[in-house]
C-alpha atoms as a PDB file:
ATOM      1  CA  UNK A   1      52.553   7.509  53.315  1.00  0.00           C
ATOM      2  CA  UNK A   2      54.685   6.989  56.410  1.00  0.00           C
ATOM      3  CA  UNK A   3      57.878   8.353  54.570  1.00  0.00           C
ATOM      4  CA  UNK A   4      56.006  11.657  53.594  1.00  0.00           C
ATOM      5  CA  UNK A   5      54.988  11.998  57.406  1.00  0.00           C
ATOM      6  CA  UNK A   6      58.334  11.583  58.430  1.00  0.00           C
ATOM      7  CA  UNK A   7      60.008  14.149  56.066  1.00  0.00           C
ATOM      8  CA  UNK A   8      57.139  16.540  56.419  1.00  0.00           C
ATOM      9  CA  UNK A   9      57.000  16.469  60.402  1.00  0.00           C
ATOM     10  CA  UNK A  10      60.898  15.906  60.944  1.00  0.00           C
ATOM     11  CA  UNK A  11      60.048  12.800  63.047  1.00  0.00           C
ATOM     12  CA  UNK A  12      63.797  11.488  63.172  1.00  0.00           C
ATOM     13  CA  UNK A  13      63.053   8.956  65.861  1.00  0.00           C
ATOM     14  CA  UNK A  14      60.965   7.164  63.543  1.00  0.00           C
ATOM     15  CA  UNK A  15      62.344   4.572  61.204  1.00  0.00           C
ATOM     16  CA  UNK A  16      60.585   1.984  58.678  1.00  0.00           C
ATOM     17  CA  UNK A  17      61.485  -1.512  59.339  1.00  0.00           C
ATOM     18  CA  UNK A  18      59.560  -3.188  56.336  1.00  0.00           C
ATOM     19  CA  UNK A  19      57.421  -2.808  53.601  1.00  0.00           C
ATOM     20  CA  UNK A  20      53.769  -4.528  53.733  1.00  0.00           C
ATOM     21  CA  UNK A  21      53.314  -6.576  50.490  1.00  0.00           C
ATOM     22  CA  UNK A  22      50.194  -5.310  48.951  1.00  0.00           C
ATOM     23  CA  UNK A  23      48.181  -6.533  45.834  1.00  0.00           C
ATOM     24  CA  UNK A  24      49.207  -4.964  42.725  1.00  0.00           C
ATOM     25  CA  UNK A  25      46.920  -1.985  41.320  1.00  0.00           C
ATOM     26  CA  UNK A  26      45.139  -1.437  44.788  1.00  0.00           C
ATOM     27  CA  UNK A  27      44.333   2.169  45.876  1.00  0.00           C
ATOM     28  CA  UNK A  28      42.482   2.786  49.216  1.00  0.00           C
ATOM     29  CA  UNK A  29      40.306   5.565  49.777  1.00  0.00           C
ATOM     30  CA  UNK A  30      38.256   6.837  52.962  1.00  0.00           C
ATOM     31  CA  UNK A  31      34.973   7.462  50.862  1.00  0.00           C
ATOM     32  CA  UNK A  32      35.206   5.422  47.968  1.00  0.00           C
ATOM     33  CA  UNK A  33      33.199   6.953  44.748  1.00  0.00           C
ATOM     34  CA  UNK A  34      32.736   4.380  42.410  1.00  0.00           C
ATOM     35  CA  UNK A  35      33.489   6.827  39.444  1.00  0.00           C
ATOM     36  CA  UNK A  36      36.612   8.209  40.957  1.00  0.00           C
ATOM     37  CA  UNK A  37      37.619   4.619  41.841  1.00  0.00           C
ATOM     38  CA  UNK A  38      37.355   3.461  38.406  1.00  0.00           C
ATOM     39  CA  UNK A  39      39.028   6.291  36.762  1.00  0.00           C
ATOM     40  CA  UNK A  40      42.178   6.253  39.126  1.00  0.00           C
ATOM     41  CA  UNK A  41      42.307   2.190  38.794  1.00  0.00           C
ATOM     42  CA  UNK A  42      42.226   2.543  34.807  1.00  0.00           C
ATOM     43  CA  UNK A  43      45.033   5.349  35.112  1.00  0.00           C
ATOM     44  CA  UNK A  44      47.090   2.835  37.161  1.00  0.00           C
ATOM     45  CA  UNK A  45      46.472  -0.037  34.845  1.00  0.00           C
ATOM     46  CA  UNK A  46      47.755   2.006  32.051  1.00  0.00           C
ATOM     47  CA  UNK A  47      51.197   2.501  33.899  1.00  0.00           C
ATOM     48  CA  UNK A  48      53.889   0.133  32.715  1.00  0.00           C
ATOM     49  CA  UNK A  49      55.320  -2.613  35.217  1.00  0.00           C
ATOM     50  CA  UNK A  50      58.656  -1.035  35.368  1.00  0.00           C
ATOM     51  CA  UNK A  51      57.600   2.284  36.146  1.00  0.00           C
ATOM     52  CA  UNK A  52      55.431   1.017  38.787  1.00  0.00           C
ATOM     53  CA  UNK A  53      58.433  -0.435  40.522  1.00  0.00           C
ATOM     54  CA  UNK A  54      60.080   2.711  40.168  1.00  0.00           C
ATOM     55  CA  UNK A  55      57.213   4.773  41.533  1.00  0.00           C
ATOM     56  CA  UNK A  56      56.925   2.148  44.622  1.00  0.00           C
ATOM     57  CA  UNK A  57      60.904   2.266  45.257  1.00  0.00           C
ATOM     58  CA  UNK A  58      60.581   6.158  45.395  1.00  0.00           C
ATOM     59  CA  UNK A  59      57.235   6.400  47.193  1.00  0.00           C
ATOM     60  CA  UNK A  60      58.253   3.992  50.141  1.00  0.00           C
ATOM     61  CA  UNK A  61      62.335   5.230  50.305  1.00  0.00           C
ATOM     62  CA  UNK A  62      62.308   6.516  53.698  1.00  0.00           C
ATOM     63  CA  UNK A  63      66.324   6.252  54.869  1.00  0.00           C
ATOM     64  CA  UNK A  64      66.881   6.085  58.294  1.00  0.00           C
ATOM     65  CA  UNK A  65      68.459   9.242  59.491  1.00  0.00           C
ATOM     66  CA  UNK A  66      71.479   7.736  60.905  1.00  0.00           C
ATOM     67  CA  UNK A  67      73.467  11.030  60.866  1.00  0.00           C
ATOM     68  CA  UNK A  68      71.166  12.562  63.218  1.00  0.00           C
ATOM     69  CA  UNK A  69      70.986   9.291  65.345  1.00  0.00           C
ATOM     70  CA  UNK A  70      74.818   9.446  65.655  1.00  0.00           C
ATOM     71  CA  UNK A  71      74.891  13.204  66.685  1.00  0.00           C
ATOM     72  CA  UNK A  72      72.289  12.585  69.077  1.00  0.00           C
ATOM     73  CA  UNK A  73      74.035   9.429  70.530  1.00  0.00           C
ATOM     74  CA  UNK A  74      77.349  11.512  70.729  1.00  0.00           C
ATOM     75  CA  UNK A  75      75.516  14.519  72.596  1.00  0.00           C
ATOM     76  CA  UNK A  76      74.056  12.184  75.305  1.00  0.00           C
ATOM     77  CA  UNK A  77      77.451  10.377  75.877  1.00  0.00           C
ATOM     78  CA  UNK A  78      78.986  14.028  76.169  1.00  0.00           C
ATOM     79  CA  UNK A  79      76.006  14.981  78.434  1.00  0.00           C
ATOM     80  CA  UNK A  80      76.545  11.798  80.511  1.00  0.00           C
ATOM     81  CA  UNK A  81      80.258  12.076  80.647  1.00  0.00           C
ATOM     82  CA  UNK A  82      79.746  15.675  81.681  1.00  0.00           C
ATOM     83  CA  UNK A  83      77.591  14.601  84.862  1.00  0.00           C
ATOM     84  CA  UNK A  84      79.800  11.700  85.664  1.00  0.00           C
ATOM     85  CA  UNK A  85      82.640  14.278  85.902  1.00  0.00           C
ATOM     86  CA  UNK A  86      80.570  16.931  87.898  1.00  0.00           C
ATOM     87  CA  UNK A  87      79.505  14.295  90.439  1.00  0.00           C
ATOM     88  CA  UNK A  88      83.128  13.017  90.581  1.00  0.00           C
ATOM     89  CA  UNK A  89      84.514  16.780  91.057  1.00  0.00           C
ATOM     90  CA  UNK A  90      81.647  17.448  93.663  1.00  0.00           C
ATOM     91  CA  UNK A  91      82.374  13.938  95.618  1.00  0.00           C
ATOM     92  CA  UNK A  92      86.041  14.937  95.487  1.00  0.00           C
ATOM     93  CA  UNK A  93      85.443  18.586  96.916  1.00  0.00           C
ATOM     94  CA  UNK A  94      83.128  17.131  99.583  1.00  0.00           C
ATOM     95  CA  UNK A  95      85.662  14.720 100.821  1.00  0.00           C
ATOM     96  CA  UNK A  96      88.418  17.435 100.774  1.00  0.00           C
ATOM     97  CA  UNK A  97      86.047  19.562 102.961  1.00  0.00           C
ATOM     98  CA  UNK A  98      85.513  17.006 105.480  1.00  0.00           C
ATOM     99  CA  UNK A  99      89.111  16.282 105.626  1.00  0.00           C
ATOM    100  CA  UNK A 100      89.855  19.891 106.055  1.00  0.00           C
ATOM    101  CA  UNK A 101      87.228  20.215 108.745  1.00  0.00           C
ATOM    102  CA  UNK A 102      88.508  17.357 110.533  1.00  0.00           C
ATOM    103  CA  UNK A 103      91.954  18.589 110.425  1.00  0.00           C
ATOM    104  CA  UNK A 104      90.953  22.361 111.821  1.00  0.00           C
ATOM    105  CA  UNK A 105      89.166  20.553 114.628  1.00  0.00           C
ATOM    106  CA  UNK A 106      92.261  18.540 115.516  1.00  0.00           C
ATOM    107  CA  UNK A 107      94.370  21.776 115.448  1.00  0.00           C
ATOM    108  CA  UNK A 108      91.722  23.358 117.883  1.00  0.00           C
ATOM    109  CA  UNK A 109      91.865  20.670 120.119  1.00  0.00           C
ATOM    110  CA  UNK A 110      95.716  20.464 120.247  1.00  0.00           C
ATOM    111  CA  UNK A 111      95.741  24.059 120.724  1.00  0.00           C
ATOM    112  CA  UNK A 112      93.305  24.016 123.421  1.00  0.00           C
ATOM    113  CA  UNK A 113      95.363  21.321 125.339  1.00  0.00           C
ATOM    114  CA  UNK A 114      98.524  23.322 124.604  1.00  0.00           C
ATOM    115  CA  UNK A 115      96.807  26.242 126.338  1.00  0.00           C
ATOM    116  CA  UNK A 116      95.239  24.621 129.249  1.00  0.00           C
ATOM    117  CA  UNK A 117      98.290  22.563 129.711  1.00  0.00           C
ATOM    118  CA  UNK A 118     100.627  25.948 129.747  1.00  0.00           C
ATOM    119  CA  UNK A 119      97.907  27.514 132.182  1.00  0.00           C
ATOM    120  CA  UNK A 120      98.314  24.513 134.464  1.00  0.00           C
ATOM    121  CA  UNK A 121     102.062  24.943 134.557  1.00  0.00           C
ATOM    122  CA  UNK A 122     102.044  28.643 135.174  1.00  0.00           C
ATOM    123  CA  UNK A 123      99.403  28.494 137.885  1.00  0.00           C
ATOM    124  CA  UNK A 124     101.082  25.646 139.650  1.00  0.00           C
ATOM    125  CA  UNK A 125     104.322  27.964 140.487  1.00  0.00           C
ATOM    126  CA  UNK A 126     104.486  29.876 143.848  1.00  0.00           C
ATOM    127  CA  UNK A 127     106.214  32.576 141.689  1.00  0.00           C
ATOM    128  CA  UNK A 128     104.182  35.750 140.283  1.00  0.00           C
ATOM    129  CA  UNK A 129     104.266  35.814 136.352  1.00  0.00           C
ATOM    130  CA  UNK A 130     103.137  38.523 134.288  1.00  0.00           C
ATOM    131  CA  UNK A 131     103.373  39.609 130.760  1.00  0.00           C
ATOM    132  CA  UNK A 132     102.878  43.584 130.257  1.00  0.00           C
ATOM    133  CA  UNK A 133     102.564  45.198 126.754  1.00  0.00           C
ATOM    134  CA  UNK A 134     104.730  48.239 125.909  1.00  0.00           C
ATOM    135  CA  UNK A 135     102.626  50.561 128.270  1.00  0.00           C
ATOM    136  CA  UNK A 136     103.050  48.251 131.320  1.00  0.00           C
ATOM    137  CA  UNK A 137      99.376  47.015 131.012  1.00  0.00           C
ATOM    138  CA  UNK A 138      98.738  43.343 132.074  1.00  0.00           C
ATOM    139  CA  UNK A 139      98.322  41.019 128.915  1.00  0.00           C
ATOM    140  CA  UNK A 140      98.943  37.879 131.111  1.00  0.00           C
ATOM    141  CA  UNK A 141      99.186  36.940 134.658  1.00  0.00           C
ATOM    142  CA  UNK A 142      99.002  33.629 136.609  1.00  0.00           C
ATOM    143  CA  UNK A 143      96.980  32.693 139.711  1.00  0.00           C
ATOM    144  CA  UNK A 144      99.926  34.003 141.957  1.00  0.00           C
ATOM    145  CA  UNK A 145     100.370  37.180 140.478  1.00  0.00           C
ATOM    146  CA  UNK A 146      96.763  37.793 140.610  1.00  0.00           C
ATOM    147  CA  UNK A 147      96.332  36.843 144.300  1.00  0.00           C
ATOM    148  CA  UNK A 148      99.283  39.037 145.284  1.00  0.00           C
ATOM    149  CA  UNK A 149      97.060  42.118 144.227  1.00  0.00           C
ATOM    150  CA  UNK A 150      93.901  40.637 145.865  1.00  0.00           C
ATOM    151  CA  UNK A 151      92.108  40.325 142.242  1.00  0.00           C
ATOM    152  CA  UNK A 152      91.064  37.583 140.296  1.00  0.00           C
ATOM    153  CA  UNK A 153      93.070  36.913 137.160  1.00  0.00           C
ATOM    154  CA  UNK A 154      90.687  38.246 134.721  1.00  0.00           C
ATOM    155  CA  UNK A 155      89.997  41.215 136.475  1.00  0.00           C
ATOM    156  CA  UNK A 156      93.807  42.066 136.062  1.00  0.00           C
ATOM    157  CA  UNK A 157      93.739  41.769 132.369  1.00  0.00           C
ATOM    158  CA  UNK A 158      94.385  45.388 130.806  1.00  0.00           C
ATOM    159  CA  UNK A 159      95.073  46.898 134.023  1.00  0.00           C
ATOM    160  CA  UNK A 160      98.060  49.202 134.531  1.00  0.00           C
ATOM    161  CA  UNK A 161     100.476  47.153 136.725  1.00  0.00           C
ATOM    162  CA  UNK A 162     101.948  50.175 138.161  1.00  0.00           C
ATOM    163  CA  UNK A 163      98.639  51.692 138.994  1.00  0.00           C
ATOM    164  CA  UNK A 164      98.059  48.805 141.153  1.00  0.00           C
ATOM    165  CA  UNK A 165     101.238  49.404 143.297  1.00  0.00           C
ATOM    166  CA  UNK A 166     102.240  51.909 145.827  1.00  0.00           C
ATOM    167  CA  UNK A 167     103.877  55.081 144.461  1.00  0.00           C
ATOM    168  CA  UNK A 168     107.273  54.549 145.720  1.00  0.00           C
ATOM    169  CA  UNK A 169     107.591  51.005 144.710  1.00  0.00           C
ATOM    170  CA  UNK A 170     105.659  51.822 141.536  1.00  0.00           C
ATOM    171  CA  UNK A 171     108.427  54.580 140.395  1.00  0.00           C
ATOM    172  CA  UNK A 172     111.145  52.180 141.262  1.00  0.00           C
ATOM    173  CA  UNK A 173     109.522  49.543 139.161  1.00  0.00           C
ATOM    174  CA  UNK A 174     108.869  51.972 136.242  1.00  0.00           C
ATOM    175  CA  UNK A 175     112.492  52.987 135.937  1.00  0.00           C
ATOM    176  CA  UNK A 176     113.590  49.201 135.868  1.00  0.00           C
ATOM    177  CA  UNK A 177     110.924  48.383 133.308  1.00  0.00           C
ATOM    178  CA  UNK A 178     112.031  51.292 131.152  1.00  0.00           C
ATOM    179  CA  UNK A 179     115.799  50.086 131.497  1.00  0.00           C
ATOM    180  CA  UNK A 180     114.804  46.697 130.373  1.00  0.00           C
ATOM    181  CA  UNK A 181     113.246  47.915 127.252  1.00  0.00           C
ATOM    182  CA  UNK A 182     116.167  50.313 126.584  1.00  0.00           C
ATOM    183  CA  UNK A 183     118.984  47.676 126.892  1.00  0.00           C
ATOM    184  CA  UNK A 184     116.998  44.877 125.486  1.00  0.00           C
ATOM    185  CA  UNK A 185     118.616  42.793 128.592  1.00  0.00           C
ATOM    186  CA  UNK A 186     117.342  41.332 131.508  1.00  0.00           C
ATOM    187  CA  UNK A 187     116.771  43.576 134.736  1.00  0.00           C
ATOM    188  CA  UNK A 188     116.932  41.957 138.265  1.00  0.00           C
ATOM    189  CA  UNK A 189     116.259  44.027 141.457  1.00  0.00           C
ATOM    190  CA  UNK A 190     114.711  43.402 144.772  1.00  0.00           C
ATOM    191  CA  UNK A 191     111.950  45.266 146.362  1.00  0.00           C
ATOM    192  CA  UNK A 192     109.386  45.448 149.274  1.00  0.00           C
ATOM    193  CA  UNK A 193     105.549  45.749 148.870  1.00  0.00           C
ATOM    194  CA  UNK A 194     103.069  45.143 151.120  1.00  0.00           C
ATOM    195  CA  UNK A 195     105.228  43.736 153.782  1.00  0.00           C
ATOM    196  CA  UNK A 196     106.637  41.326 151.524  1.00  0.00           C
ATOM    197  CA  UNK A 197     110.104  41.172 149.807  1.00  0.00           C
ATOM    198  CA  UNK A 198     110.176  40.423 146.167  1.00  0.00           C
ATOM    199  CA  UNK A 199     113.018  39.252 144.077  1.00  0.00           C
ATOM    200  CA  UNK A 200     112.153  40.555 140.345  1.00  0.00           C
ATOM    201  CA  UNK A 201     113.404  39.371 137.181  1.00  0.00           C
ATOM    202  CA  UNK A 202     112.191  41.580 134.122  1.00  0.00           C
ATOM    203  CA  UNK A 203     112.773  39.909 130.704  1.00  0.00           C
ATOM    204  CA  UNK A 204     112.215  42.088 127.526  1.00  0.00           C
ATOM    205  CA  UNK A 205     110.185  40.403 124.861  1.00  0.00           C
ATOM    206  CA  UNK A 206     111.175  41.517 121.210  1.00  0.00           C
ATOM    207  CA  UNK A 207     108.702  43.242 119.276  1.00  0.00           C
ATOM    208  CA  UNK A 208     108.208  44.767 115.834  1.00  0.00           C
ATOM    209  CA  UNK A 209     111.154  47.283 114.809  1.00  0.00           C
ATOM    210  CA  UNK A 210     110.600  50.675 116.028  1.00  0.00           C
ATOM    211  CA  UNK A 211     108.235  49.317 118.744  1.00  0.00           C
ATOM    212  CA  UNK A 212     109.217  49.142 122.799  1.00  0.00           C
ATOM    213  CA  UNK A 213     109.285  45.639 123.655  1.00  0.00           C
ATOM    214  CA  UNK A 214     106.900  43.881 126.014  1.00  0.00           C
ATOM    215  CA  UNK A 215     108.137  42.461 129.479  1.00  0.00           C
ATOM    216  CA  UNK A 216     107.751  39.171 131.237  1.00  0.00           C
ATOM    217  CA  UNK A 217     108.123  39.538 134.933  1.00  0.00           C
ATOM    218  CA  UNK A 218     108.950  36.964 137.173  1.00  0.00           C
ATOM    219  CA  UNK A 219     108.659  37.967 140.927  1.00  0.00           C
ATOM    220  CA  UNK A 220     109.678  35.410 143.913  1.00  0.00           C
ATOM    221  CA  UNK A 221     108.562  35.918 147.474  1.00  0.00           C
ATOM    222  CA  UNK A 222     111.611  35.918 149.419  1.00  0.00           C
ATOM    223  CA  UNK A 223     110.476  37.210 152.672  1.00  0.00           C
ATOM    224  CA  UNK A 224     112.116  35.418 155.762  1.00  0.00           C
END
């Protein structure tokens, strides 16, 4: 019967909706044998009516597997909720990533604008402006400072500034640079190079403890 198939094969997704009304004492066979049919029919006729009702109740009883249905329903609900949460988290991360990328791009644009503005200001002055590391190599130079040495700004980066200066002038400037580094105070002096007179101011730039400070140098041409 359907109930036997359901129990035997675990077909929990099937459910008996109703029982068809069959005539009493009916037996269906695929290949009826007159003798066997008569024998079985006599056996059925000998069964009392109340016994037939009890047998029919047991035969057709296939209670719906409500427990399995509830468990499956809870599982699918949990899986659906997990999927929704995963999509929500993924969407939130994508939104946060887009905002972070936009913020970084805006920060890079601001830094670029500030650097370009600073370079424009430094290159607009007629004074030479240089920044030297602790060993007096050029870290930054404006256009005026590079032109005074006959070099491009990029070509001066990393060069020793005293190596680009005549020996007598270089010796005096080295002494002034060391003085500013040792005292931590600005040093001002005037010297002459390549026929021009320069008024120099050397500012020490504080650095890490134990290291010699870098120097910012402003040189104005005061030749008359």
